[in-house]
C-alpha atoms as a PDB file:
ATOM      1  CA  MET A   1      23.818 -30.731  -6.966  1.00  0.00           C
ATOM      2  CA  HIS A   2      21.201 -32.438  -9.233  1.00  0.00           C
ATOM      3  CA  ALA A   3      21.236 -35.594  -7.057  1.00  0.00           C
ATOM      4  CA  ARG A   4      20.257 -33.113  -3.833  1.00  0.00           C
ATOM      5  CA  THR A   5      17.781 -31.559  -6.114  1.00  0.00           C
ATOM      6  CA  THR A   6      16.286 -34.929  -6.801  1.00  0.00           C
ATOM      7  CA  ALA A   7      16.093 -36.046  -3.346  1.00  0.00           C
ATOM      8  CA  ALA A   8      14.495 -32.679  -2.132  1.00  0.00           C
ATOM      9  CA  ALA A   9      12.021 -33.260  -4.885  1.00  0.00           C
ATOM     10  CA  LEU A  10      11.320 -36.843  -3.832  1.00  0.00           C
ATOM     11  CA  LEU A  11      10.673 -35.643  -0.055  1.00  0.00           C
ATOM     12  CA  SER A  12       8.519 -33.007  -1.149  1.00  0.00           C
ATOM     13  CA  ALA A  13       6.135 -35.425  -2.710  1.00  0.00           C
ATOM     14  CA  ALA A  14       6.288 -37.844  -0.098  1.00  0.00           C
ATOM     15  CA  ALA A  15       5.363 -35.078   2.210  1.00  0.00           C
ATOM     16  CA  LEU A  16       2.505 -34.292  -0.200  1.00  0.00           C
ATOM     17  CA  ALA A  17       1.324 -37.806   0.040  1.00  0.00           C
ATOM     18  CA  GLY A  18       1.424 -37.841   3.803  1.00  0.00           C
ATOM     19  CA  ILE A  19      -0.744 -35.008   3.989  1.00  0.00           C
ATOM     20  CA  ALA A  20      -3.388 -36.438   1.575  1.00  0.00           C
ATOM     21  CA  GLY A  21      -3.704 -39.620   3.549  1.00  0.00           C
ATOM     22  CA  CYS A  22      -3.809 -37.836   6.777  1.00  0.00           C
ATOM     23  CA  GLY A  23      -6.761 -35.761   5.312  1.00  0.00           C
ATOM     24  CA  GLY A  24      -8.543 -38.938   4.005  1.00  0.00           C
ATOM     25  CA  GLU A  25      -8.174 -40.601   7.664  1.00  0.00           C
ATOM     26  CA  GLN A  26     -10.140 -37.733   9.040  1.00  0.00           C
ATOM     27  CA  SER A  27     -13.590 -38.905   7.620  1.00  0.00           C
ATOM     28  CA  PRO A  28     -13.108 -42.657   6.930  1.00  0.00           C
ATOM     29  CA  PRO A  29     -16.434 -44.547   5.684  1.00  0.00           C
ATOM     30  CA  PRO A  30     -18.482 -45.904   8.590  1.00  0.00           C
ATOM     31  CA  PRO A  31     -17.789 -49.914   9.090  1.00  0.00           C
ATOM     32  CA  ALA A  32     -20.278 -52.273   7.259  1.00  0.00           C
ATOM     33  CA  ASP A  33     -21.345 -53.467  10.898  1.00  0.00           C
ATOM     34  CA  HIS A  34     -22.126 -49.667  12.248  1.00  0.00           C
ATOM     35  CA  GLN A  35     -24.261 -49.027   9.283  1.00  0.00           C
ATOM     36  CA  GLN A  36     -26.010 -52.286   9.947  1.00  0.00           C
ATOM     37  CA  HIS A  37     -26.508 -51.113  13.466  1.00  0.00           C
ATOM     38  CA  ARG A  38     -27.990 -47.736  12.479  1.00  0.00           C
ATOM     39  CA  THR A  39     -30.549 -48.883  10.015  1.00  0.00           C
ATOM     40  CA  GLU A  40     -31.713 -52.219  11.728  1.00  0.00           C
ATOM     41  CA  GLN A  41     -34.327 -52.081  14.257  1.00  0.00           C
ATOM     42  CA  PRO A  42     -34.590 -54.578  17.310  1.00  0.00           C
ATOM     43  CA  ALA A  43     -37.286 -57.106  16.836  1.00  0.00           C
ATOM     44  CA  PRO A  44     -40.244 -56.497  19.244  1.00  0.00           C
ATOM     45  CA  GLN A  45     -40.436 -58.868  21.946  1.00  0.00           C
ATOM     46  CA  GLN A  46     -43.477 -61.125  22.292  1.00  0.00           C
ATOM     47  CA  GLY A  47     -45.283 -61.901  25.452  1.00  0.00           C
ATOM     48  CA  GLU A  48     -47.384 -64.912  26.025  1.00  0.00           C
ATOM     49  CA  GLN A  49     -50.574 -63.217  25.135  1.00  0.00           C
ATOM     50  CA  ALA A  50     -49.092 -62.774  21.631  1.00  0.00           C
ATOM     51  CA  VAL A  51     -48.677 -65.977  21.222  1.00  0.00           C
ATOM     52  CA  HIS A  52     -52.027 -67.703  19.993  1.00  0.00           C
ATOM     53  CA  ASN A  53     -53.830 -69.293  17.404  1.00  0.00           C
ATOM     54  CA  GLN A  54     -57.476 -69.745  15.698  1.00  0.00           C
ATOM     55  CA  ALA A  55     -57.847 -72.588  18.242  1.00  0.00           C
ATOM     56  CA  ASP A  56     -57.265 -70.427  21.395  1.00  0.00           C
ATOM     57  CA  ILE A  57     -59.865 -67.971  19.691  1.00  0.00           C
ATOM     58  CA  ALA A  58     -62.225 -70.828  19.295  1.00  0.00           C
ATOM     59  CA  PHE A  59     -61.864 -71.756  23.101  1.00  0.00           C
ATOM     60  CA  ALA A  60     -62.456 -68.635  24.223  1.00  0.00           C
ATOM     61  CA  GLU A  61     -65.441 -67.635  21.891  1.00  0.00           C
ATOM     62  CA  GLY A  62     -67.137 -71.136  22.811  1.00  0.00           C
ATOM     63  CA  MET A  63     -66.416 -71.585  26.823  1.00  0.00           C
ATOM     64  CA  ILE A  64     -67.558 -67.809  27.513  1.00  0.00           C
ATOM     65  CA  PRO A  65     -71.242 -68.693  26.754  1.00  0.00           C
ATOM     66  CA  HIS A  66     -70.935 -72.015  28.008  1.00  0.00           C
ATOM     67  CA  HIS A  67     -69.706 -70.909  31.361  1.00  0.00           C
ATOM     68  CA  GLN A  68     -72.443 -68.222  31.192  1.00  0.00           C
ATOM     69  CA  GLN A  69     -75.247 -70.638  31.042  1.00  0.00           C
ATOM     70  CA  ALA A  70     -73.714 -72.851  34.014  1.00  0.00           C
ATOM     71  CA  LEU A  71     -73.907 -69.781  35.808  1.00  0.00           C
ATOM     72  CA  ARG A  72     -77.537 -69.317  35.025  1.00  0.00           C
ATOM     73  CA  MET A  73     -78.026 -73.011  36.206  1.00  0.00           C
ATOM     74  CA  ALA A  74     -76.218 -72.059  39.485  1.00  0.00           C
ATOM     75  CA  ASP A  75     -78.097 -68.828  40.076  1.00  0.00           C
ATOM     76  CA  MET A  76     -81.392 -71.005  39.960  1.00  0.00           C
ATOM     77  CA  VAL A  77     -80.328 -73.226  42.750  1.00  0.00           C
ATOM     78  CA  PRO A  78     -81.090 -71.450  46.025  1.00  0.00           C
ATOM     79  CA  GLU A  79     -84.781 -70.697  45.259  1.00  0.00           C
ATOM     80  CA  ARG A  80     -85.612 -74.045  44.150  1.00  0.00           C
ATOM     81  CA  THR A  81     -83.888 -76.378  46.573  1.00  0.00           C
ATOM     82  CA  GLY A  82     -82.680 -76.744  50.072  1.00  0.00           C
ATOM     83  CA  ASN A  83     -80.210 -79.417  49.474  1.00  0.00           C
ATOM     84  CA  ALA A  84     -77.000 -78.241  51.178  1.00  0.00           C
ATOM     85  CA  GLU A  85     -74.839 -80.247  48.803  1.00  0.00           C
ATOM     86  CA  VAL A  86     -76.372 -79.041  45.574  1.00  0.00           C
ATOM     87  CA  LEU A  87     -76.074 -75.230  47.073  1.00  0.00           C
ATOM     88  CA  ASP A  88     -72.273 -75.758  47.911  1.00  0.00           C
ATOM     89  CA  LEU A  89     -71.857 -76.995  44.395  1.00  0.00           C
ATOM     90  CA  ALA A  90     -73.673 -74.215  42.826  1.00  0.00           C
ATOM     91  CA  GLU A  91     -71.666 -71.815  44.896  1.00  0.00           C
ATOM     92  CA  ARG A  92     -68.318 -73.153  43.633  1.00  0.00           C
ATOM     93  CA  ILE A  93     -69.272 -73.217  40.247  1.00  0.00           C
ATOM     94  CA  ARG A  94     -70.105 -69.939  40.275  1.00  0.00           C
ATOM     95  CA  ALA A  95     -67.167 -68.699  42.043  1.00  0.00           C
ATOM     96  CA  ALA A  96     -64.737 -70.622  39.761  1.00  0.00           C
ATOM     97  CA  GLN A  97     -66.481 -69.803  36.353  1.00  0.00           C
ATOM     98  CA  GLN A  98     -67.244 -66.158  36.522  1.00  0.00           C
ATOM     99  CA  PRO A  99     -63.631 -65.048  36.926  1.00  0.00           C
ATOM    100  CA  GLU A 100     -62.486 -67.407  34.104  1.00  0.00           C
ATOM    101  CA  ILE A 101     -65.255 -65.550  31.977  1.00  0.00           C
ATOM    102  CA  ASP A 102     -63.291 -62.283  32.774  1.00  0.00           C
ATOM    103  CA  GLN A 103     -60.107 -63.407  31.695  1.00  0.00           C
ATOM    104  CA  LEU A 104     -61.296 -65.081  28.512  1.00  0.00           C
ATOM    105  CA  GLU A 105     -63.169 -61.942  27.477  1.00  0.00           C
ATOM    106  CA  GLY A 106     -59.854 -60.283  28.191  1.00  0.00           C
ATOM    107  CA  TRP A 107     -58.113 -62.452  25.797  1.00  0.00           C
ATOM    108  CA  LEU A 108     -60.271 -62.170  23.389  1.00  0.00           C
ATOM    109  CA  ALA A 109     -60.169 -58.218  23.503  1.00  0.00           C
ATOM    110  CA  GLU A 110     -56.149 -58.583  22.542  1.00  0.00           C
ATOM    111  CA  TRP A 111     -56.519 -61.414  20.083  1.00  0.00           C
ATOM    112  CA  ARG A 112     -59.051 -59.633  17.866  1.00  0.00           C
ATOM    113  CA  PRO A 113     -58.123 -57.662  15.211  1.00  0.00           C
ATOM    114  CA  ALA A 114     -59.342 -54.071  15.977  1.00  0.00           C
ATOM    115  CA  PRO A 115     -63.135 -53.474  14.103  1.00  0.00           C
ATOM    116  CA  PRO A 116     -62.832 -50.402  11.271  1.00  0.00           C
ATOM    117  CA  GLN A 117     -63.389 -47.230  13.116  1.00  0.00           C
ATOM    118  CA  GLY A 118     -67.443 -46.702  13.047  1.00  0.00           C
ATOM    119  CA  HIS A 119     -67.972 -50.581  13.105  1.00  0.00           C
ATOM    120  CA  GLN A 120     -68.511 -52.786  15.956  1.00  0.00           C
ATOM    121  CA  MET A 121     -67.304 -56.341  16.379  1.00  0.00           C
ATOM    122  CA  PRO A 122     -70.036 -59.232  16.250  1.00  0.00           C
ATOM    123  CA  GLN A 123     -70.577 -60.678  19.848  1.00  0.00           C
ATOM    124  CA  GLU A 124     -70.288 -64.039  18.846  1.00  0.00           C
ATOM    125  CA  HIS A 125     -69.214 -64.957  22.796  1.00  0.00           C
ATOM    126  CA  SER A 126     -72.601 -63.216  24.128  1.00  0.00           C
ATOM    127  CA  MET A 127     -75.109 -65.726  25.259  1.00  0.00           C
ATOM    128  CA  PRO A 128     -78.695 -64.913  23.724  1.00  0.00           C
ATOM    129  CA  GLU A 129     -81.511 -64.952  26.588  1.00  0.00           C
ATOM    130  CA  HIS A 130     -83.167 -67.783  24.758  1.00  0.00           C
ATOM    131  CA  GLY A 131     -80.176 -69.831  23.970  1.00  0.00           C
ATOM    132  CA  GLY A 132     -78.278 -70.054  20.345  1.00  0.00           C
ATOM    133  CA  HIS A 133     -75.405 -72.159  21.538  1.00  0.00           C
ATOM    134  CA  GLU A 134     -77.290 -75.201  22.076  1.00  0.00           C
ATOM    135  CA  GLY A 135     -75.583 -77.471  19.555  1.00  0.00           C
ATOM    136  CA  MET A 136     -72.118 -76.516  21.648  1.00  0.00           C
ATOM    137  CA  HIS A 137     -70.617 -80.029  23.801  1.00  0.00           C
ATOM    138  CA  GLY A 138     -73.029 -80.102  26.641  1.00  0.00           C
ATOM    139  CA  MET A 139     -75.250 -76.883  26.147  1.00  0.00           C
ATOM    140  CA  MET A 140     -78.723 -77.270  27.450  1.00  0.00           C
ATOM    141  CA  THR A 141     -81.704 -76.197  24.989  1.00  0.00           C
ATOM    142  CA  PRO A 142     -84.047 -73.591  25.958  1.00  0.00           C
ATOM    143  CA  GLU A 143     -86.770 -75.894  26.559  1.00  0.00           C
ATOM    144  CA  ASP A 144     -84.241 -77.944  29.027  1.00  0.00           C
ATOM    145  CA  MET A 145     -83.740 -74.561  30.924  1.00  0.00           C
ATOM    146  CA  ALA A 146     -87.518 -73.906  30.939  1.00  0.00           C
ATOM    147  CA  ALA A 147     -88.211 -77.314  32.532  1.00  0.00           C
ATOM    148  CA  LEU A 148     -85.268 -76.566  35.185  1.00  0.00           C
ATOM    149  CA  GLU A 149     -86.790 -73.362  36.062  1.00  0.00           C
ATOM    150  CA  GLN A 150     -90.315 -75.213  36.773  1.00  0.00           C
ATOM    151  CA  ALA A 151     -88.872 -78.060  38.797  1.00  0.00           C
ATOM    152  CA  ARG A 152     -88.577 -77.929  42.716  1.00  0.00           C
ATOM    153  CA  GLY A 153     -86.981 -79.809  45.629  1.00  0.00           C
ATOM    154  CA  ALA A 154     -85.931 -83.417  44.668  1.00  0.00           C
ATOM    155  CA  GLU A 155     -87.109 -83.365  41.337  1.00  0.00           C
ATOM    156  CA  PHE A 156     -84.704 -80.083  40.822  1.00  0.00           C
ATOM    157  CA  ASP A 157     -81.556 -81.536  42.284  1.00  0.00           C
ATOM    158  CA  ARG A 158     -81.990 -84.553  40.097  1.00  0.00           C
ATOM    159  CA  MET A 159     -82.338 -82.659  37.114  1.00  0.00           C
ATOM    160  CA  TRP A 160     -80.013 -80.164  37.899  1.00  0.00           C
ATOM    161  CA  LEU A 161     -77.437 -82.489  38.604  1.00  0.00           C
ATOM    162  CA  GLU A 162     -77.976 -84.639  35.466  1.00  0.00           C
ATOM    163  CA  MET A 163     -77.831 -81.483  33.381  1.00  0.00           C
ATOM    164  CA  MET A 164     -74.686 -80.142  35.219  1.00  0.00           C
ATOM    165  CA  ILE A 165     -72.727 -83.322  34.731  1.00  0.00           C
ATOM    166  CA  GLU A 166     -73.758 -83.470  30.700  1.00  0.00           C
ATOM    167  CA  HIS A 167     -72.549 -79.475  31.058  1.00  0.00           C
ATOM    168  CA  HIS A 168     -69.245 -80.277  32.395  1.00  0.00           C
ATOM    169  CA  GLU A 169     -68.693 -83.041  30.130  1.00  0.00           C
ATOM    170  CA  GLY A 170     -69.008 -80.770  27.417  1.00  0.00           C
ATOM    171  CA  ALA A 171     -66.620 -78.277  28.860  1.00  0.00           C
ATOM    172  CA  VAL A 172     -63.745 -80.915  29.336  1.00  0.00           C
ATOM    173  CA  GLN A 173     -64.309 -82.034  25.497  1.00  0.00           C
ATOM    174  CA  MET A 174     -63.916 -78.385  24.835  1.00  0.00           C
ATOM    175  CA  ALA A 175     -60.633 -77.913  27.256  1.00  0.00           C
ATOM    176  CA  GLU A 176     -59.301 -81.177  25.727  1.00  0.00           C
ATOM    177  CA  THR A 177     -59.314 -79.690  22.255  1.00  0.00           C
ATOM    178  CA  GLU A 178     -57.605 -76.556  23.695  1.00  0.00           C
ATOM    179  CA  LEU A 179     -54.927 -78.738  25.053  1.00  0.00           C
ATOM    180  CA  ALA A 180     -54.243 -80.539  21.491  1.00  0.00           C
ATOM    181  CA  GLU A 181     -54.954 -77.692  19.217  1.00  0.00           C
ATOM    182  CA  GLY A 182     -54.240 -74.272  21.281  1.00  0.00           C
ATOM    183  CA  ALA A 183     -50.853 -72.230  21.530  1.00  0.00           C
ATOM    184  CA  ASN A 184     -51.488 -69.708  24.259  1.00  0.00           C
ATOM    185  CA  PRO A 185     -49.660 -70.937  27.574  1.00  0.00           C
ATOM    186  CA  GLU A 186     -52.452 -69.518  29.628  1.00  0.00           C
ATOM    187  CA  ALA A 187     -55.101 -70.380  27.598  1.00  0.00           C
ATOM    188  CA  LYS A 188     -53.855 -74.038  27.714  1.00  0.00           C
ATOM    189  CA  ALA A 189     -53.211 -73.866  31.460  1.00  0.00           C
ATOM    190  CA  MET A 190     -56.776 -72.579  31.861  1.00  0.00           C
ATOM    191  CA  ALA A 191     -57.868 -75.502  30.010  1.00  0.00           C
ATOM    192  CA  GLN A 192     -55.930 -78.027  32.129  1.00  0.00           C
ATOM    193  CA  ARG A 193     -57.657 -76.578  35.310  1.00  0.00           C
ATOM    194  CA  ILE A 194     -61.079 -76.744  33.837  1.00  0.00           C
ATOM    195  CA  ILE A 195     -60.186 -80.492  32.905  1.00  0.00           C
ATOM    196  CA  ASP A 196     -58.847 -81.165  36.615  1.00  0.00           C
ATOM    197  CA  SER A 197     -61.798 -79.302  38.703  1.00  0.00           C
ATOM    198  CA  GLN A 198     -64.838 -80.119  36.507  1.00  0.00           C
ATOM    199  CA  GLN A 199     -64.004 -83.751  36.296  1.00  0.00           C
ATOM    200  CA  ALA A 200     -63.368 -83.943  40.187  1.00  0.00           C
ATOM    201  CA  GLU A 201     -67.277 -82.112  40.013  1.00  0.00           C
ATOM    202  CA  ILE A 202     -68.591 -84.508  37.751  1.00  0.00           C
ATOM    203  CA  ASP A 203     -67.431 -87.627  39.834  1.00  0.00           C
ATOM    204  CA  GLU A 204     -68.987 -85.452  43.092  1.00  0.00           C
ATOM    205  CA  MET A 205     -72.311 -85.209  41.102  1.00  0.00           C
ATOM    206  CA  ASN A 206     -72.558 -88.952  40.067  1.00  0.00           C
ATOM    207  CA  ALA A 207     -72.196 -89.749  43.913  1.00  0.00           C
ATOM    208  CA  LEU A 208     -74.837 -87.333  44.952  1.00  0.00           C
ATOM    209  CA  LEU A 209     -76.986 -89.092  42.292  1.00  0.00           C
ATOM    210  CA  ARG A 210     -76.532 -92.359  43.551  1.00  0.00           C
END
């Protein structure tokens, strides 16, 4: 009789333990990896435009006014010469460099930090009416530009070609710096295009001068 009572007590205790165990299994603590998944945010994906450095910014800020001056020189051509080869070259320069200016300005809008509300970012890349960037590679001085505006015919052709060769050589140097020091893939691709196209035009202009 005593053995039966002891066995019954043991069975009852075991049942109570099982019930307690079942109750604990209904709400187990979340696994560690699950908690990590809930708290960690995925890293933002970086596009090519997000990858840039100060050399890329300097390339864009310098090349914009450099191209703008080349466009001013190209715009002088139709009223000052009838040389078909010079006219054709000026038109090709205009067609190539205006889209590059637009692209460079778009990059700077993405790369530069947003100005505080109520303030405007300085327009470092704008081309002042009377120069201001002549210290850059290949840039003409205001006096150079004034002399070119006054020339006509064969004299204009010679001056324009000589100045544009120097101008292109400066652009090639700036593009080579971007290739060596820049980080943005698209900016470096543009730099390579500038080197290829403007070196070819330098060769062409040297041939015209000879």
